[in-house]
Amino acid sequence: MPHVILDKLRAEALTLSESERAALAYDLVKSLDDPADADAASEWDNEISRRLHAIDSGTAKLIDRDELTRRFKERLGHR
């Protein structure tokens, strides 16, 4: 796209309302993403079901919020 056209498009986009610019930005960023994995939703459903079953059956090792926070800080190098 020639630079002049891009400059004109940018100038026009900046005249849009905040919500219109946000919607445009969302669409532009979304257009840069790779196509969605067709099996991803099904795989996540299976994983969620597996984890819920582990919780319900008592085989999952659960931790409380304080332990989760401690582990995050440890991984991020915080004290």
N, C-alpha and C. Protein backbone atom coordinates (compact mmCIF):
# COMPACT_ATOMS: atom_id res chain seq x y z
N MET A 1 0.86 -1.18 0.00
CA MET A 1 0.00 0.00 0.00
C MET A 1 0.90 1.23 0.00
N PRO A 2 0.70 2.12 -0.95
CA PRO A 2 1.51 3.34 -0.98
C PRO A 2 1.38 4.14 0.32
N HIS A 3 2.46 4.79 0.69
CA HIS A 3 2.53 5.54 1.94
C HIS A 3 1.43 6.61 2.02
N VAL A 4 1.11 7.24 0.91
CA VAL A 4 0.09 8.30 0.90
C VAL A 4 -1.28 7.73 1.28
N ILE A 5 -1.60 6.55 0.77
CA ILE A 5 -2.89 5.93 1.07
C ILE A 5 -2.94 5.56 2.56
N LEU A 6 -1.84 5.02 3.06
CA LEU A 6 -1.78 4.64 4.47
C LEU A 6 -1.94 5.87 5.36
N ASP A 7 -1.29 6.97 5.02
CA ASP A 7 -1.42 8.20 5.79
C ASP A 7 -2.87 8.70 5.79
N LYS A 8 -3.52 8.64 4.64
CA LYS A 8 -4.92 9.08 4.54
C LYS A 8 -5.83 8.18 5.38
N LEU A 9 -5.60 6.89 5.29
CA LEU A 9 -6.40 5.94 6.05
C LEU A 9 -6.22 6.17 7.55
N ARG A 10 -4.98 6.37 7.98
CA ARG A 10 -4.69 6.64 9.38
C ARG A 10 -5.38 7.92 9.85
N ALA A 11 -5.30 8.97 9.05
CA ALA A 11 -5.93 10.24 9.41
C ALA A 11 -7.44 10.09 9.55
N GLU A 12 -8.04 9.34 8.63
CA GLU A 12 -9.49 9.13 8.70
C GLU A 12 -9.86 8.27 9.90
N ALA A 13 -9.06 7.28 10.19
CA ALA A 13 -9.34 6.41 11.33
C ALA A 13 -9.29 7.20 12.63
N LEU A 14 -8.39 8.16 12.72
CA LEU A 14 -8.27 8.96 13.94
C LEU A 14 -9.44 9.90 14.16
N THR A 15 -10.29 10.10 13.14
CA THR A 15 -11.49 10.93 13.32
C THR A 15 -12.65 10.12 13.89
N LEU A 16 -12.50 8.80 13.96
CA LEU A 16 -13.56 7.95 14.49
C LEU A 16 -13.68 8.14 16.00
N SER A 17 -14.82 7.77 16.54
CA SER A 17 -15.00 7.83 17.99
C SER A 17 -14.10 6.78 18.64
N GLU A 18 -13.94 6.89 19.94
CA GLU A 18 -13.09 5.95 20.67
C GLU A 18 -13.58 4.51 20.49
N SER A 19 -14.88 4.30 20.60
CA SER A 19 -15.41 2.94 20.46
C SER A 19 -15.25 2.42 19.03
N GLU A 20 -15.38 3.30 18.05
CA GLU A 20 -15.18 2.89 16.65
C GLU A 20 -13.72 2.53 16.40
N ARG A 21 -12.80 3.34 16.96
CA ARG A 21 -11.36 3.04 16.81
C ARG A 21 -11.01 1.73 17.50
N ALA A 22 -11.61 1.48 18.67
CA ALA A 22 -11.36 0.23 19.38
C ALA A 22 -11.85 -0.96 18.56
N ALA A 23 -13.02 -0.85 17.96
CA ALA A 23 -13.55 -1.92 17.12
C ALA A 23 -12.66 -2.15 15.90
N LEU A 24 -12.20 -1.07 15.29
CA LEU A 24 -11.30 -1.18 14.15
C LEU A 24 -9.98 -1.82 14.55
N ALA A 25 -9.43 -1.38 15.68
CA ALA A 25 -8.17 -1.95 16.16
C ALA A 25 -8.32 -3.44 16.43
N TYR A 26 -9.43 -3.82 17.05
CA TYR A 26 -9.70 -5.23 17.32
C TYR A 26 -9.71 -6.03 16.03
N ASP A 27 -10.44 -5.53 15.04
CA ASP A 27 -10.53 -6.23 13.75
C ASP A 27 -9.17 -6.33 13.06
N LEU A 28 -8.37 -5.26 13.14
CA LEU A 28 -7.05 -5.28 12.51
C LEU A 28 -6.13 -6.29 13.19
N VAL A 29 -6.11 -6.28 14.52
CA VAL A 29 -5.27 -7.23 15.24
C VAL A 29 -5.74 -8.65 14.99
N LYS A 30 -7.04 -8.85 14.99
CA LYS A 30 -7.60 -10.18 14.75
C LYS A 30 -7.20 -10.69 13.36
N SER A 31 -7.11 -9.78 12.40
CA SER A 31 -6.75 -10.19 11.04
C SER A 31 -5.30 -10.66 10.94
N LEU A 32 -4.48 -10.33 11.94
CA LEU A 32 -3.08 -10.74 11.95
C LEU A 32 -2.88 -12.12 12.58
N ASP A 33 -3.86 -12.59 13.32
CA ASP A 33 -3.77 -13.89 13.98
C ASP A 33 -3.85 -15.01 12.96
N ASP A 34 -3.19 -16.10 13.31
CA ASP A 34 -3.29 -17.30 12.49
C ASP A 34 -4.72 -17.81 12.56
N PRO A 35 -5.13 -18.57 11.57
CA PRO A 35 -6.48 -19.15 11.63
C PRO A 35 -6.62 -20.02 12.88
N ALA A 36 -7.81 -20.01 13.45
CA ALA A 36 -8.06 -20.79 14.65
C ALA A 36 -7.94 -22.29 14.36
N ASP A 37 -7.41 -23.00 15.31
CA ASP A 37 -7.31 -24.45 15.20
C ASP A 37 -8.72 -25.03 15.31
N ALA A 38 -9.14 -25.75 14.28
CA ALA A 38 -10.51 -26.28 14.23
C ALA A 38 -10.79 -27.22 15.39
N ASP A 39 -9.77 -27.90 15.89
CA ASP A 39 -9.96 -28.87 16.97
C ASP A 39 -9.74 -28.27 18.36
N ALA A 40 -9.32 -27.02 18.43
CA ALA A 40 -8.95 -26.43 19.72
C ALA A 40 -10.11 -26.42 20.71
N ALA A 41 -11.28 -26.00 20.29
CA ALA A 41 -12.42 -25.94 21.21
C ALA A 41 -12.76 -27.31 21.76
N SER A 42 -12.75 -28.31 20.91
CA SER A 42 -13.04 -29.67 21.34
C SER A 42 -11.97 -30.18 22.30
N GLU A 43 -10.71 -29.88 22.00
CA GLU A 43 -9.62 -30.31 22.87
C GLU A 43 -9.70 -29.64 24.23
N TRP A 44 -10.05 -28.34 24.26
CA TRP A 44 -10.20 -27.65 25.54
C TRP A 44 -11.38 -28.22 26.32
N ASP A 45 -12.48 -28.54 25.65
CA ASP A 45 -13.62 -29.17 26.33
C ASP A 45 -13.19 -30.48 26.99
N ASN A 46 -12.41 -31.28 26.27
CA ASN A 46 -11.92 -32.55 26.82
C ASN A 46 -11.01 -32.32 28.03
N GLU A 47 -10.13 -31.33 27.93
CA GLU A 47 -9.21 -31.03 29.03
C GLU A 47 -9.98 -30.55 30.25
N ILE A 48 -10.95 -29.70 30.05
CA ILE A 48 -11.77 -29.20 31.17
C ILE A 48 -12.51 -30.36 31.83
N SER A 49 -13.09 -31.24 31.03
CA SER A 49 -13.78 -32.41 31.57
C SER A 49 -12.83 -33.30 32.36
N ARG A 50 -11.62 -33.50 31.83
CA ARG A 50 -10.62 -34.32 32.52
C ARG A 50 -10.26 -33.70 33.88
N ARG A 51 -10.06 -32.40 33.90
CA ARG A 51 -9.69 -31.73 35.16
C ARG A 51 -10.84 -31.75 36.16
N LEU A 52 -12.06 -31.52 35.69
CA LEU A 52 -13.22 -31.58 36.60
C LEU A 52 -13.38 -32.98 37.17
N HIS A 53 -13.17 -33.99 36.36
CA HIS A 53 -13.26 -35.37 36.84
C HIS A 53 -12.20 -35.63 37.92
N ALA A 54 -10.98 -35.12 37.71
CA ALA A 54 -9.91 -35.29 38.69
C ALA A 54 -10.27 -34.61 40.01
N ILE A 55 -10.89 -33.43 39.93
CA ILE A 55 -11.32 -32.73 41.14
C ILE A 55 -12.42 -33.52 41.83
N ASP A 56 -13.43 -33.93 41.07
CA ASP A 56 -14.57 -34.65 41.64
C ASP A 56 -14.16 -36.00 42.25
N SER A 57 -13.18 -36.66 41.64
CA SER A 57 -12.77 -37.97 42.14
C SER A 57 -11.75 -37.88 43.27
N GLY A 58 -11.26 -36.65 43.53
CA GLY A 58 -10.31 -36.46 44.62
C GLY A 58 -8.87 -36.75 44.24
N THR A 59 -8.58 -36.92 42.97
CA THR A 59 -7.21 -37.23 42.55
C THR A 59 -6.41 -35.97 42.17
N ALA A 60 -7.09 -34.84 42.07
CA ALA A 60 -6.40 -33.60 41.72
C ALA A 60 -5.74 -33.03 42.97
N LYS A 61 -4.55 -32.47 42.81
CA LYS A 61 -3.88 -31.80 43.91
C LYS A 61 -4.22 -30.31 43.82
N LEU A 62 -5.04 -29.85 44.76
CA LEU A 62 -5.48 -28.46 44.75
C LEU A 62 -4.62 -27.63 45.69
N ILE A 63 -4.44 -26.36 45.33
CA ILE A 63 -3.71 -25.44 46.21
C ILE A 63 -4.56 -24.21 46.44
N ASP A 64 -4.30 -23.52 47.56
CA ASP A 64 -5.07 -22.30 47.85
C ASP A 64 -4.42 -21.09 47.18
N ARG A 65 -5.10 -19.97 47.26
CA ARG A 65 -4.66 -18.75 46.58
C ARG A 65 -3.28 -18.30 47.06
N ASP A 66 -3.02 -18.40 48.37
CA ASP A 66 -1.73 -17.97 48.89
C ASP A 66 -0.59 -18.79 48.29
N GLU A 67 -0.79 -20.09 48.18
CA GLU A 67 0.24 -20.95 47.59
C GLU A 67 0.42 -20.63 46.11
N LEU A 68 -0.67 -20.39 45.41
CA LEU A 68 -0.59 -20.02 43.99
C LEU A 68 0.21 -18.73 43.83
N THR A 69 -0.09 -17.73 44.65
CA THR A 69 0.63 -16.45 44.59
C THR A 69 2.11 -16.66 44.88
N ARG A 70 2.43 -17.48 45.89
CA ARG A 70 3.83 -17.75 46.22
C ARG A 70 4.55 -18.39 45.04
N ARG A 71 3.90 -19.35 44.38
CA ARG A 71 4.52 -20.04 43.25
C ARG A 71 4.74 -19.09 42.07
N PHE A 72 3.75 -18.22 41.81
CA PHE A 72 3.92 -17.25 40.73
C PHE A 72 5.10 -16.33 41.00
N LYS A 73 5.16 -15.81 42.23
CA LYS A 73 6.25 -14.91 42.58
C LYS A 73 7.60 -15.61 42.46
N GLU A 74 7.65 -16.87 42.88
CA GLU A 74 8.88 -17.64 42.80
C GLU A 74 9.32 -17.80 41.34
N ARG A 75 8.37 -18.12 40.48
CA ARG A 75 8.71 -18.29 39.05
C ARG A 75 9.12 -16.98 38.39
N LEU A 76 8.54 -15.88 38.86
CA LEU A 76 8.85 -14.59 38.26
C LEU A 76 10.09 -13.95 38.90
N GLY A 77 10.66 -14.62 39.90
CA GLY A 77 11.87 -14.11 40.52
C GLY A 77 11.63 -13.06 41.58
N HIS A 78 10.40 -12.94 42.07
CA HIS A 78 10.12 -11.99 43.15
C HIS A 78 10.34 -12.66 44.50
N ARG A 79 10.54 -11.84 45.50
CA ARG A 79 10.74 -12.40 46.86
C ARG A 79 9.46 -12.47 47.62
